[in-house]
Amino acid sequence: MASEIVQMVLIASTLVFALMTAGLDNILYSALSLGGMCICLGGLFWTMHAPYVAIFQLLIYGGAIVVLFVSVIMFVRSELNE
């Protein structure tokens, strides 16, 4: 019962973060929302007893890809200001 509630909360928060990623005007906030969505999705994989997929989701998508997006956004913004 408790795992079902956790899964429902993770599904709802994944959907909220996905909508925020697509709907926000600020691209930096969209990238951070993408990170939140990836973290919630990793937690969802963990609750479905797929720990390897959850770890890869958190490390690759939740970590590396979001850091890459944020660094590119910051680099492009600093170039545009010059």
Protein backbone atom coordinates (compact mmCIF):
# COMPACT_ATOMS: atom_id res chain seq x y z
CA MET A 1 0.00 0.00 0.00
CA ALA A 2 2.73 2.46 0.89
CA SER A 3 4.71 1.70 -2.28
CA GLU A 4 1.61 2.38 -4.37
CA ILE A 5 1.22 5.78 -2.74
CA VAL A 6 4.89 6.55 -3.37
CA GLN A 7 4.48 5.51 -7.00
CA MET A 8 1.44 7.75 -7.43
CA VAL A 9 3.27 10.71 -5.91
CA LEU A 10 6.28 10.09 -8.17
CA ILE A 11 4.07 9.78 -11.25
CA ALA A 12 2.26 13.01 -10.39
CA SER A 13 5.49 14.89 -9.73
CA THR A 14 7.02 13.53 -12.96
CA LEU A 15 4.05 14.85 -14.90
CA VAL A 16 4.23 18.23 -13.16
CA PHE A 17 7.95 18.57 -13.89
CA ALA A 18 7.40 17.49 -17.52
CA LEU A 19 4.71 20.13 -17.98
CA MET A 20 6.96 22.72 -16.34
CA THR A 21 9.80 21.73 -18.69
CA ALA A 22 7.61 22.30 -21.73
CA GLY A 23 5.73 25.32 -20.44
CA LEU A 24 8.22 27.60 -18.72
CA ASP A 25 9.50 30.65 -20.58
CA ASN A 26 12.90 30.72 -18.88
CA ILE A 27 15.11 28.07 -20.48
CA LEU A 28 17.26 27.69 -17.37
CA TYR A 29 14.22 26.85 -15.26
CA SER A 30 13.13 24.42 -17.97
CA ALA A 31 16.48 22.63 -17.77
CA LEU A 32 16.22 22.43 -13.98
CA SER A 33 12.67 21.09 -14.31
CA LEU A 34 14.03 18.45 -16.67
CA GLY A 35 16.44 17.47 -13.91
CA GLY A 36 13.60 17.20 -11.42
CA MET A 37 11.65 15.07 -13.87
CA CYS A 38 14.63 12.74 -14.35
CA ILE A 39 15.08 12.40 -10.59
CA CYS A 40 11.40 11.53 -10.12
CA LEU A 41 11.58 9.06 -12.99
CA GLY A 42 14.63 7.44 -11.39
CA GLY A 43 12.71 7.11 -8.14
CA LEU A 44 9.83 5.57 -10.06
CA PHE A 45 12.16 2.99 -11.61
CA TRP A 46 13.52 2.25 -8.14
CA THR A 47 10.03 1.58 -6.76
CA MET A 48 9.41 -0.80 -9.67
CA HIS A 49 12.44 -2.85 -8.54
CA ALA A 50 14.72 -1.84 -11.41
CA PRO A 51 17.72 -0.46 -9.50
CA TYR A 52 20.17 -0.51 -12.42
CA VAL A 53 17.83 1.48 -14.64
CA ALA A 54 17.18 3.89 -11.76
CA ILE A 55 20.90 4.44 -11.16
CA PHE A 56 21.59 5.01 -14.85
CA GLN A 57 18.61 7.36 -15.06
CA LEU A 58 19.87 9.40 -12.11
CA LEU A 59 23.52 9.46 -13.15
CA ILE A 60 23.23 9.94 -16.90
CA TYR A 61 20.04 11.92 -17.41
CA GLY A 62 19.53 13.48 -13.99
CA GLY A 63 23.18 14.42 -13.66
CA ALA A 64 25.25 14.59 -16.81
CA ILE A 65 22.68 15.70 -19.37
CA VAL A 66 21.16 18.39 -17.15
CA VAL A 67 24.61 19.73 -16.22
CA LEU A 68 25.48 19.80 -19.92
CA PHE A 69 22.28 21.70 -20.74
CA VAL A 70 22.81 24.22 -17.93
CA SER A 71 26.46 24.81 -18.87
CA VAL A 72 25.55 25.36 -22.53
CA ILE A 73 22.78 27.77 -21.52
CA MET A 74 25.17 29.75 -19.33
CA PHE A 75 27.86 29.76 -22.03
CA VAL A 76 25.47 30.97 -24.73
CA ARG A 77 24.02 33.65 -22.45
CA SER A 78 27.48 35.01 -21.64
CA GLU A 79 28.31 35.07 -25.36
CA LEU A 80 25.13 36.96 -26.20
CA ASN A 81 25.84 39.62 -23.57
CA GLU A 82 29.19 40.51 -25.15
